[in-house]
């Protein structure tokens, strides 16, 4: 993914035959790492609820748990793109 946004996408395994998320693997990842609530995420990285929902930020807990991205990188991305995020 260009633009330094690795870890925001392709968090879950894809079934090669159906080209859909492997639901069993996805559920296993969620059980292992959990999901962010808006309040929990907002305590760490303040964003509007619209931004949280638009970027499916609840799944970022899985991405962080799998080592695909870290909080410091997320914070840098929020700062970098804040001028665009402030309108939504």
PDB file of N, CA and C in Angstrom:
ATOM      1  N   UNK A   1       0.855  -1.166   0.000  1.00  0.00           N
ATOM      2  CA  UNK A   1       0.000   0.000   0.000  1.00  0.00           C
ATOM      3  C   UNK A   1       0.902   1.230   0.000  1.00  0.00           C
ATOM      4  N   UNK A   2       0.746   2.118  -0.960  1.00  0.00           N
ATOM      5  CA  UNK A   2       1.607   3.305  -1.025  1.00  0.00           C
ATOM      6  C   UNK A   2       1.269   4.334   0.051  1.00  0.00           C
ATOM      7  N   UNK A   3       2.156   5.272   0.249  1.00  0.00           N
ATOM      8  CA  UNK A   3       1.873   6.379   1.156  1.00  0.00           C
ATOM      9  C   UNK A   3       2.155   6.105   2.607  1.00  0.00           C
ATOM     10  N   UNK A   4       2.851   5.024   2.900  1.00  0.00           N
ATOM     11  CA  UNK A   4       3.220   4.737   4.280  1.00  0.00           C
ATOM     12  C   UNK A   4       2.061   4.327   5.159  1.00  0.00           C
ATOM     13  N   UNK A   5       1.043   3.717   4.569  1.00  0.00           N
ATOM     14  CA  UNK A   5      -0.122   3.332   5.366  1.00  0.00           C
ATOM     15  C   UNK A   5      -0.252   1.817   5.501  1.00  0.00           C
ATOM     16  N   UNK A   6       0.890   1.127   5.378  1.00  0.00           N
ATOM     17  CA  UNK A   6       0.887  -0.309   5.642  1.00  0.00           C
ATOM     18  C   UNK A   6       0.334  -0.545   7.037  1.00  0.00           C
ATOM     19  N   UNK A   7      -0.405  -1.615   7.199  1.00  0.00           N
ATOM     20  CA  UNK A   7      -0.950  -1.950   8.504  1.00  0.00           C
ATOM     21  C   UNK A   7      -2.366  -1.460   8.710  1.00  0.00           C
ATOM     22  N   UNK A   8      -2.831  -0.562   7.847  1.00  0.00           N
ATOM     23  CA  UNK A   8      -4.222  -0.108   7.940  1.00  0.00           C
ATOM     24  C   UNK A   8      -5.146  -1.008   7.124  1.00  0.00           C
ATOM     25  N   UNK A   9      -4.561  -1.729   6.203  1.00  0.00           N
ATOM     26  CA  UNK A   9      -5.318  -2.592   5.305  1.00  0.00           C
ATOM     27  C   UNK A   9      -4.706  -3.981   5.317  1.00  0.00           C
ATOM     28  N   UNK A  10      -5.429  -4.954   4.783  1.00  0.00           N
ATOM     29  CA  UNK A  10      -4.941  -6.333   4.703  1.00  0.00           C
ATOM     30  C   UNK A  10      -4.540  -6.867   6.073  1.00  0.00           C
ATOM     31  N   UNK A  11      -5.386  -6.606   7.041  1.00  0.00           N
ATOM     32  CA  UNK A  11      -5.136  -7.037   8.412  1.00  0.00           C
ATOM     33  C   UNK A  11      -5.446  -8.530   8.565  1.00  0.00           C
ATOM     34  N   UNK A  12      -6.444  -8.996   7.838  1.00  0.00           N
ATOM     35  CA  UNK A  12      -6.905 -10.371   7.987  1.00  0.00           C
ATOM     36  C   UNK A  12      -6.541 -11.217   6.773  1.00  0.00           C
ATOM     37  N   UNK A  13      -6.413 -12.531   7.012  1.00  0.00           N
ATOM     38  CA  UNK A  13      -6.130 -13.465   5.929  1.00  0.00           C
ATOM     39  C   UNK A  13      -7.327 -13.544   4.979  1.00  0.00           C
ATOM     40  N   UNK A  14      -7.029 -13.752   3.698  1.00  0.00           N
ATOM     41  CA  UNK A  14      -8.065 -13.868   2.675  1.00  0.00           C
ATOM     42  C   UNK A  14      -8.080 -15.294   2.163  1.00  0.00           C
ATOM     43  N   UNK A  15      -9.289 -15.850   2.003  1.00  0.00           N
ATOM     44  CA  UNK A  15      -9.453 -17.169   1.416  1.00  0.00           C
ATOM     45  C   UNK A  15      -9.227 -17.041  -0.085  1.00  0.00           C
ATOM     46  N   UNK A  16      -8.234 -17.744  -0.613  1.00  0.00           N
ATOM     47  CA  UNK A  16      -7.852 -17.619  -2.025  1.00  0.00           C
ATOM     48  C   UNK A  16      -8.964 -18.043  -2.978  1.00  0.00           C
ATOM     49  N   UNK A  17      -9.826 -18.941  -2.552  1.00  0.00           N
ATOM     50  CA  UNK A  17     -10.894 -19.413  -3.434  1.00  0.00           C
ATOM     51  C   UNK A  17     -12.055 -18.424  -3.510  1.00  0.00           C
ATOM     52  N   UNK A  18     -12.443 -17.858  -2.389  1.00  0.00           N
ATOM     53  CA  UNK A  18     -13.611 -16.973  -2.357  1.00  0.00           C
ATOM     54  C   UNK A  18     -13.231 -15.499  -2.438  1.00  0.00           C
ATOM     55  N   UNK A  19     -11.945 -15.208  -2.226  1.00  0.00           N
ATOM     56  CA  UNK A  19     -11.438 -13.830  -2.170  1.00  0.00           C
ATOM     57  C   UNK A  19     -12.149 -13.002  -1.100  1.00  0.00           C
ATOM     58  N   UNK A  20     -12.594 -13.686  -0.056  1.00  0.00           N
ATOM     59  CA  UNK A  20     -13.193 -13.039   1.114  1.00  0.00           C
ATOM     60  C   UNK A  20     -12.289 -13.323   2.306  1.00  0.00           C
ATOM     61  N   UNK A  21     -12.482 -12.532   3.358  1.00  0.00           N
ATOM     62  CA  UNK A  21     -11.734 -12.810   4.569  1.00  0.00           C
ATOM     63  C   UNK A  21     -12.005 -14.238   5.013  1.00  0.00           C
ATOM     64  N   UNK A  22     -10.958 -14.906   5.473  1.00  0.00           N
ATOM     65  CA  UNK A  22     -11.103 -16.220   6.084  1.00  0.00           C
ATOM     66  C   UNK A  22     -11.765 -15.973   7.441  1.00  0.00           C
ATOM     67  N   UNK A  23     -13.051 -16.253   7.518  1.00  0.00           N
ATOM     68  CA  UNK A  23     -13.822 -15.883   8.709  1.00  0.00           C
ATOM     69  C   UNK A  23     -13.329 -16.572   9.977  1.00  0.00           C
ATOM     70  N   UNK A  24     -12.862 -17.809   9.852  1.00  0.00           N
ATOM     71  CA  UNK A  24     -12.360 -18.523  11.031  1.00  0.00           C
ATOM     72  C   UNK A  24     -11.078 -17.862  11.532  1.00  0.00           C
ATOM     73  N   UNK A  25     -10.163 -17.552  10.609  1.00  0.00           N
ATOM     74  CA  UNK A  25      -8.907 -16.889  10.994  1.00  0.00           C
ATOM     75  C   UNK A  25      -9.186 -15.489  11.533  1.00  0.00           C
ATOM     76  N   UNK A  26     -10.135 -14.795  10.919  1.00  0.00           N
ATOM     77  CA  UNK A  26     -10.494 -13.448  11.368  1.00  0.00           C
ATOM     78  C   UNK A  26     -11.031 -13.491  12.796  1.00  0.00           C
ATOM     79  N   UNK A  27     -11.938 -14.418  13.050  1.00  0.00           N
ATOM     80  CA  UNK A  27     -12.505 -14.536  14.394  1.00  0.00           C
ATOM     81  C   UNK A  27     -11.433 -14.908  15.408  1.00  0.00           C
ATOM     82  N   UNK A  28     -10.500 -15.757  14.999  1.00  0.00           N
ATOM     83  CA  UNK A  28      -9.402 -16.147  15.882  1.00  0.00           C
ATOM     84  C   UNK A  28      -8.532 -14.940  16.233  1.00  0.00           C
ATOM     85  N   UNK A  29      -8.237 -14.109  15.229  1.00  0.00           N
ATOM     86  CA  UNK A  29      -7.456 -12.887  15.478  1.00  0.00           C
ATOM     87  C   UNK A  29      -8.190 -11.952  16.429  1.00  0.00           C
ATOM     88  N   UNK A  30      -9.490 -11.795  16.220  1.00  0.00           N
ATOM     89  CA  UNK A  30     -10.290 -10.909  17.080  1.00  0.00           C
ATOM     90  C   UNK A  30     -10.321 -11.443  18.512  1.00  0.00           C
ATOM     91  N   UNK A  31     -10.472 -12.757  18.656  1.00  0.00           N
ATOM     92  CA  UNK A  31     -10.474 -13.346  19.998  1.00  0.00           C
ATOM     93  C   UNK A  31      -9.115 -13.165  20.675  1.00  0.00           C
ATOM     94  N   UNK A  32      -8.044 -13.269  19.892  1.00  0.00           N
ATOM     95  CA  UNK A  32      -6.706 -13.145  20.463  1.00  0.00           C
ATOM     96  C   UNK A  32      -6.378 -11.707  20.853  1.00  0.00           C
ATOM     97  N   UNK A  33      -6.694 -10.745  19.978  1.00  0.00           N
ATOM     98  CA  UNK A  33      -6.261  -9.368  20.194  1.00  0.00           C
ATOM     99  C   UNK A  33      -7.372  -8.419  20.645  1.00  0.00           C
ATOM    100  N   UNK A  34      -8.611  -8.743  20.343  1.00  0.00           N
ATOM    101  CA  UNK A  34      -9.733  -7.882  20.691  1.00  0.00           C
ATOM    102  C   UNK A  34      -9.959  -6.791  19.653  1.00  0.00           C
ATOM    103  N   UNK A  35     -10.938  -5.948  19.919  1.00  0.00           N
ATOM    104  CA  UNK A  35     -11.283  -4.816  19.065  1.00  0.00           C
ATOM    105  C   UNK A  35     -11.308  -3.559  19.921  1.00  0.00           C
ATOM    106  N   UNK A  36     -10.963  -2.431  19.311  1.00  0.00           N
ATOM    107  CA  UNK A  36     -11.075  -1.159  20.014  1.00  0.00           C
ATOM    108  C   UNK A  36     -12.521  -0.696  20.048  1.00  0.00           C
ATOM    109  N   UNK A  37     -12.918  -0.127  21.172  1.00  0.00           N
ATOM    110  CA  UNK A  37     -14.128   0.677  21.210  1.00  0.00           C
ATOM    111  C   UNK A  37     -13.709   2.093  20.832  1.00  0.00           C
ATOM    112  N   UNK A  38     -14.653   2.929  20.480  1.00  0.00           N
ATOM    113  CA  UNK A  38     -14.300   4.304  20.146  1.00  0.00           C
ATOM    114  C   UNK A  38     -13.624   4.981  21.340  1.00  0.00           C
ATOM    115  N   UNK A  39     -14.213   4.835  22.523  1.00  0.00           N
ATOM    116  CA  UNK A  39     -13.653   5.503  23.709  1.00  0.00           C
ATOM    117  C   UNK A  39     -12.235   5.036  24.013  1.00  0.00           C
ATOM    118  N   UNK A  40     -11.989   3.738  23.902  1.00  0.00           N
ATOM    119  CA  UNK A  40     -10.657   3.202  24.167  1.00  0.00           C
ATOM    120  C   UNK A  40      -9.639   3.751  23.161  1.00  0.00           C
ATOM    121  N   UNK A  41     -10.005   3.761  21.879  1.00  0.00           N
ATOM    122  CA  UNK A  41      -9.110   4.275  20.849  1.00  0.00           C
ATOM    123  C   UNK A  41      -8.888   5.770  21.036  1.00  0.00           C
ATOM    124  N   UNK A  42      -9.952   6.492  21.329  1.00  0.00           N
ATOM    125  CA  UNK A  42      -9.881   7.943  21.493  1.00  0.00           C
ATOM    126  C   UNK A  42      -9.008   8.340  22.683  1.00  0.00           C
ATOM    127  N   UNK A  43      -8.946   7.495  23.709  1.00  0.00           N
ATOM    128  CA  UNK A  43      -8.056   7.763  24.838  1.00  0.00           C
ATOM    129  C   UNK A  43      -6.586   7.694  24.417  1.00  0.00           C
ATOM    130  N   UNK A  44      -6.298   6.848  23.443  1.00  0.00           N
ATOM    131  CA  UNK A  44      -4.924   6.672  22.972  1.00  0.00           C
ATOM    132  C   UNK A  44      -4.597   7.673  21.866  1.00  0.00           C
ATOM    133  N   UNK A  45      -5.498   7.757  20.882  1.00  0.00           N
ATOM    134  CA  UNK A  45      -5.308   8.624  19.715  1.00  0.00           C
ATOM    135  C   UNK A  45      -6.609   9.367  19.437  1.00  0.00           C
ATOM    136  N   UNK A  46      -6.731  10.595  19.885  1.00  0.00           N
ATOM    137  CA  UNK A  46      -7.978  11.333  19.715  1.00  0.00           C
ATOM    138  C   UNK A  46      -8.315  11.618  18.246  1.00  0.00           C
ATOM    139  N   UNK A  47      -9.447  11.091  17.824  1.00  0.00           N
ATOM    140  CA  UNK A  47     -10.020  11.359  16.502  1.00  0.00           C
ATOM    141  C   UNK A  47     -11.527  11.447  16.684  1.00  0.00           C
ATOM    142  N   UNK A  48     -12.206  11.999  15.699  1.00  0.00           N
ATOM    143  CA  UNK A  48     -13.660  12.042  15.780  1.00  0.00           C
ATOM    144  C   UNK A  48     -14.216  10.636  15.595  1.00  0.00           C
ATOM    145  N   UNK A  49     -15.432  10.435  16.052  1.00  0.00           N
ATOM    146  CA  UNK A  49     -16.070   9.137  15.893  1.00  0.00           C
ATOM    147  C   UNK A  49     -16.300   8.826  14.417  1.00  0.00           C
ATOM    148  N   UNK A  50     -16.516   9.853  13.617  1.00  0.00           N
ATOM    149  CA  UNK A  50     -16.689   9.669  12.169  1.00  0.00           C
ATOM    150  C   UNK A  50     -15.410   9.090  11.566  1.00  0.00           C
ATOM    151  N   UNK A  51     -14.261   9.634  11.942  1.00  0.00           N
ATOM    152  CA  UNK A  51     -12.976   9.129  11.442  1.00  0.00           C
ATOM    153  C   UNK A  51     -12.752   7.704  11.933  1.00  0.00           C
ATOM    154  N   UNK A  52     -13.029   7.452  13.202  1.00  0.00           N
ATOM    155  CA  UNK A  52     -12.887   6.106  13.775  1.00  0.00           C
ATOM    156  C   UNK A  52     -13.671   5.097  12.956  1.00  0.00           C
ATOM    157  N   UNK A  53     -14.920   5.428  12.649  1.00  0.00           N
ATOM    158  CA  UNK A  53     -15.764   4.515  11.882  1.00  0.00           C
ATOM    159  C   UNK A  53     -15.342   4.426  10.419  1.00  0.00           C
ATOM    160  N   UNK A  54     -14.958   5.545   9.834  1.00  0.00           N
ATOM    161  CA  UNK A  54     -14.578   5.563   8.421  1.00  0.00           C
ATOM    162  C   UNK A  54     -13.356   4.680   8.151  1.00  0.00           C
ATOM    163  N   UNK A  55     -12.447   4.609   9.119  1.00  0.00           N
ATOM    164  CA  UNK A  55     -11.234   3.826   8.934  1.00  0.00           C
ATOM    165  C   UNK A  55     -11.287   2.476   9.643  1.00  0.00           C
ATOM    166  N   UNK A  56     -12.494   2.064  10.067  1.00  0.00           N
ATOM    167  CA  UNK A  56     -12.642   0.781  10.754  1.00  0.00           C
ATOM    168  C   UNK A  56     -11.576   0.606  11.834  1.00  0.00           C
ATOM    169  N   UNK A  57     -11.388   1.654  12.608  1.00  0.00           N
ATOM    170  CA  UNK A  57     -10.316   1.663  13.606  1.00  0.00           C
ATOM    171  C   UNK A  57     -10.486   0.594  14.673  1.00  0.00           C
ATOM    172  N   UNK A  58     -11.685   0.050  14.809  1.00  0.00           N
ATOM    173  CA  UNK A  58     -11.847  -1.010  15.814  1.00  0.00           C
ATOM    174  C   UNK A  58     -10.920  -2.185  15.519  1.00  0.00           C
ATOM    175  N   UNK A  59     -10.611  -2.410  14.231  1.00  0.00           N
ATOM    176  CA  UNK A  59      -9.746  -3.530  13.850  1.00  0.00           C
ATOM    177  C   UNK A  59      -8.257  -3.218  13.997  1.00  0.00           C
ATOM    178  N   UNK A  60      -7.920  -1.992  14.280  1.00  0.00           N
ATOM    179  CA  UNK A  60      -6.506  -1.640  14.410  1.00  0.00           C
ATOM    180  C   UNK A  60      -5.855  -2.303  15.623  1.00  0.00           C
ATOM    181  N   UNK A  61      -6.660  -2.711  16.585  1.00  0.00           N
ATOM    182  CA  UNK A  61      -6.103  -3.453  17.721  1.00  0.00           C
ATOM    183  C   UNK A  61      -5.510  -4.782  17.231  1.00  0.00           C
ATOM    184  N   UNK A  62      -6.152  -5.396  16.244  1.00  0.00           N
ATOM    185  CA  UNK A  62      -5.629  -6.627  15.653  1.00  0.00           C
ATOM    186  C   UNK A  62      -4.339  -6.323  14.887  1.00  0.00           C
ATOM    187  N   UNK A  63      -4.351  -5.246  14.100  1.00  0.00           N
ATOM    188  CA  UNK A  63      -3.159  -4.876  13.327  1.00  0.00           C
ATOM    189  C   UNK A  63      -1.971  -4.614  14.246  1.00  0.00           C
ATOM    190  N   UNK A  64      -2.212  -3.938  15.351  1.00  0.00           N
ATOM    191  CA  UNK A  64      -1.146  -3.672  16.319  1.00  0.00           C
ATOM    192  C   UNK A  64      -0.688  -4.981  16.955  1.00  0.00           C
ATOM    193  N   UNK A  65      -1.630  -5.815  17.341  1.00  0.00           N
ATOM    194  CA  UNK A  65      -1.296  -7.098  17.954  1.00  0.00           C
ATOM    195  C   UNK A  65      -0.482  -7.996  17.048  1.00  0.00           C
ATOM    196  N   UNK A  66      -0.759  -7.939  15.753  1.00  0.00           N
ATOM    197  CA  UNK A  66      -0.024  -8.755  14.784  1.00  0.00           C
ATOM    198  C   UNK A  66       1.298  -8.106  14.368  1.00  0.00           C
ATOM    199  N   UNK A  67       1.559  -6.902  14.846  1.00  0.00           N
ATOM    200  CA  UNK A  67       2.801  -6.217  14.512  1.00  0.00           C
ATOM    201  C   UNK A  67       2.801  -5.581  13.126  1.00  0.00           C
ATOM    202  N   UNK A  68       1.621  -5.352  12.568  1.00  0.00           N
ATOM    203  CA  UNK A  68       1.527  -4.741  11.244  1.00  0.00           C
ATOM    204  C   UNK A  68       1.701  -3.223  11.290  1.00  0.00           C
ATOM    205  N   UNK A  69       1.398  -2.645  12.432  1.00  0.00           N
ATOM    206  CA  UNK A  69       1.516  -1.200  12.639  1.00  0.00           C
ATOM    207  C   UNK A  69       1.635  -0.980  14.139  1.00  0.00           C
ATOM    208  N   UNK A  70       2.105   0.179  14.553  1.00  0.00           N
ATOM    209  CA  UNK A  70       2.184   0.475  15.985  1.00  0.00           C
ATOM    210  C   UNK A  70       1.516   1.827  16.263  1.00  0.00           C
ATOM    211  N   UNK A  71       1.325   2.102  17.528  1.00  0.00           N
ATOM    212  CA  UNK A  71       0.629   3.324  17.931  1.00  0.00           C
ATOM    213  C   UNK A  71       1.397   4.565  17.488  1.00  0.00           C
ATOM    214  N   UNK A  72       2.709   4.525  17.559  1.00  0.00           N
ATOM    215  CA  UNK A  72       3.509   5.684  17.131  1.00  0.00           C
ATOM    216  C   UNK A  72       3.301   5.984  15.651  1.00  0.00           C
ATOM    217  N   UNK A  73       3.240   4.947  14.834  1.00  0.00           N
ATOM    218  CA  UNK A  73       2.999   5.135  13.401  1.00  0.00           C
ATOM    219  C   UNK A  73       1.599   5.673  13.162  1.00  0.00           C
ATOM    220  N   UNK A  74       0.622   5.139  13.883  1.00  0.00           N
ATOM    221  CA  UNK A  74      -0.752   5.652  13.761  1.00  0.00           C
ATOM    222  C   UNK A  74      -0.816   7.129  14.140  1.00  0.00           C
ATOM    223  N   UNK A  75      -0.138   7.481  15.219  1.00  0.00           N
ATOM    224  CA  UNK A  75      -0.119   8.872  15.659  1.00  0.00           C
ATOM    225  C   UNK A  75       0.512   9.767  14.581  1.00  0.00           C
ATOM    226  N   UNK A  76       1.596   9.290  13.985  1.00  0.00           N
ATOM    227  CA  UNK A  76       2.244  10.052  12.902  1.00  0.00           C
ATOM    228  C   UNK A  76       1.317  10.222  11.708  1.00  0.00           C
ATOM    229  N   UNK A  77       0.591   9.165  11.360  1.00  0.00           N
ATOM    230  CA  UNK A  77      -0.349   9.253  10.236  1.00  0.00           C
ATOM    231  C   UNK A  77      -1.487  10.225  10.525  1.00  0.00           C
ATOM    232  N   UNK A  78      -1.976  10.200  11.754  1.00  0.00           N
ATOM    233  CA  UNK A  78      -3.048  11.125  12.138  1.00  0.00           C
ATOM    234  C   UNK A  78      -2.553  12.564  12.034  1.00  0.00           C
ATOM    235  N   UNK A  79      -1.346  12.808  12.519  1.00  0.00           N
ATOM    236  CA  UNK A  79      -0.782  14.160  12.412  1.00  0.00           C
ATOM    237  C   UNK A  79      -0.580  14.560  10.955  1.00  0.00           C
ATOM    238  N   UNK A  80      -0.069  13.630  10.154  1.00  0.00           N
ATOM    239  CA  UNK A  80       0.194  13.906   8.745  1.00  0.00           C
ATOM    240  C   UNK A  80      -1.083  14.228   7.973  1.00  0.00           C
ATOM    241  N   UNK A  81      -2.132  13.484   8.262  1.00  0.00           N
ATOM    242  CA  UNK A  81      -3.376  13.647   7.512  1.00  0.00           C
ATOM    243  C   UNK A  81      -4.444  14.450   8.256  1.00  0.00           C
ATOM    244  N   UNK A  82      -4.079  15.067   9.373  1.00  0.00           N
ATOM    245  CA  UNK A  82      -5.063  15.775  10.199  1.00  0.00           C
ATOM    246  C   UNK A  82      -5.780  16.887   9.453  1.00  0.00           C
ATOM    247  N   UNK A  83      -5.098  17.542   8.531  1.00  0.00           N
ATOM    248  CA  UNK A  83      -5.752  18.618   7.787  1.00  0.00           C
ATOM    249  C   UNK A  83      -6.912  18.078   6.937  1.00  0.00           C
ATOM    250  N   UNK A  84      -6.810  16.819   6.517  1.00  0.00           N
ATOM    251  CA  UNK A  84      -7.893  16.217   5.750  1.00  0.00           C
ATOM    252  C   UNK A  84      -8.953  15.618   6.666  1.00  0.00           C
ATOM    253  N   UNK A  85      -8.532  15.138   7.835  1.00  0.00           N
ATOM    254  CA  UNK A  85      -9.453  14.503   8.768  1.00  0.00           C
ATOM    255  C   UNK A  85     -10.316  15.504   9.513  1.00  0.00           C
ATOM    256  N   UNK A  86      -9.868  16.730   9.620  1.00  0.00           N
ATOM    257  CA  UNK A  86     -10.614  17.725  10.381  1.00  0.00           C
ATOM    258  C   UNK A  86     -11.950  18.082   9.725  1.00  0.00           C
ATOM    259  N   UNK A  87     -12.082  17.789   8.454  1.00  0.00           N
ATOM    260  CA  UNK A  87     -13.331  18.100   7.745  1.00  0.00           C
ATOM    261  C   UNK A  87     -14.377  17.015   7.884  1.00  0.00           C
ATOM    262  N   UNK A  88     -13.976  15.864   8.451  1.00  0.00           N
ATOM    263  CA  UNK A  88     -14.945  14.773   8.585  1.00  0.00           C
ATOM    264  C   UNK A  88     -15.098  14.345  10.022  1.00  0.00           C
TER     265      UNK A  88
END
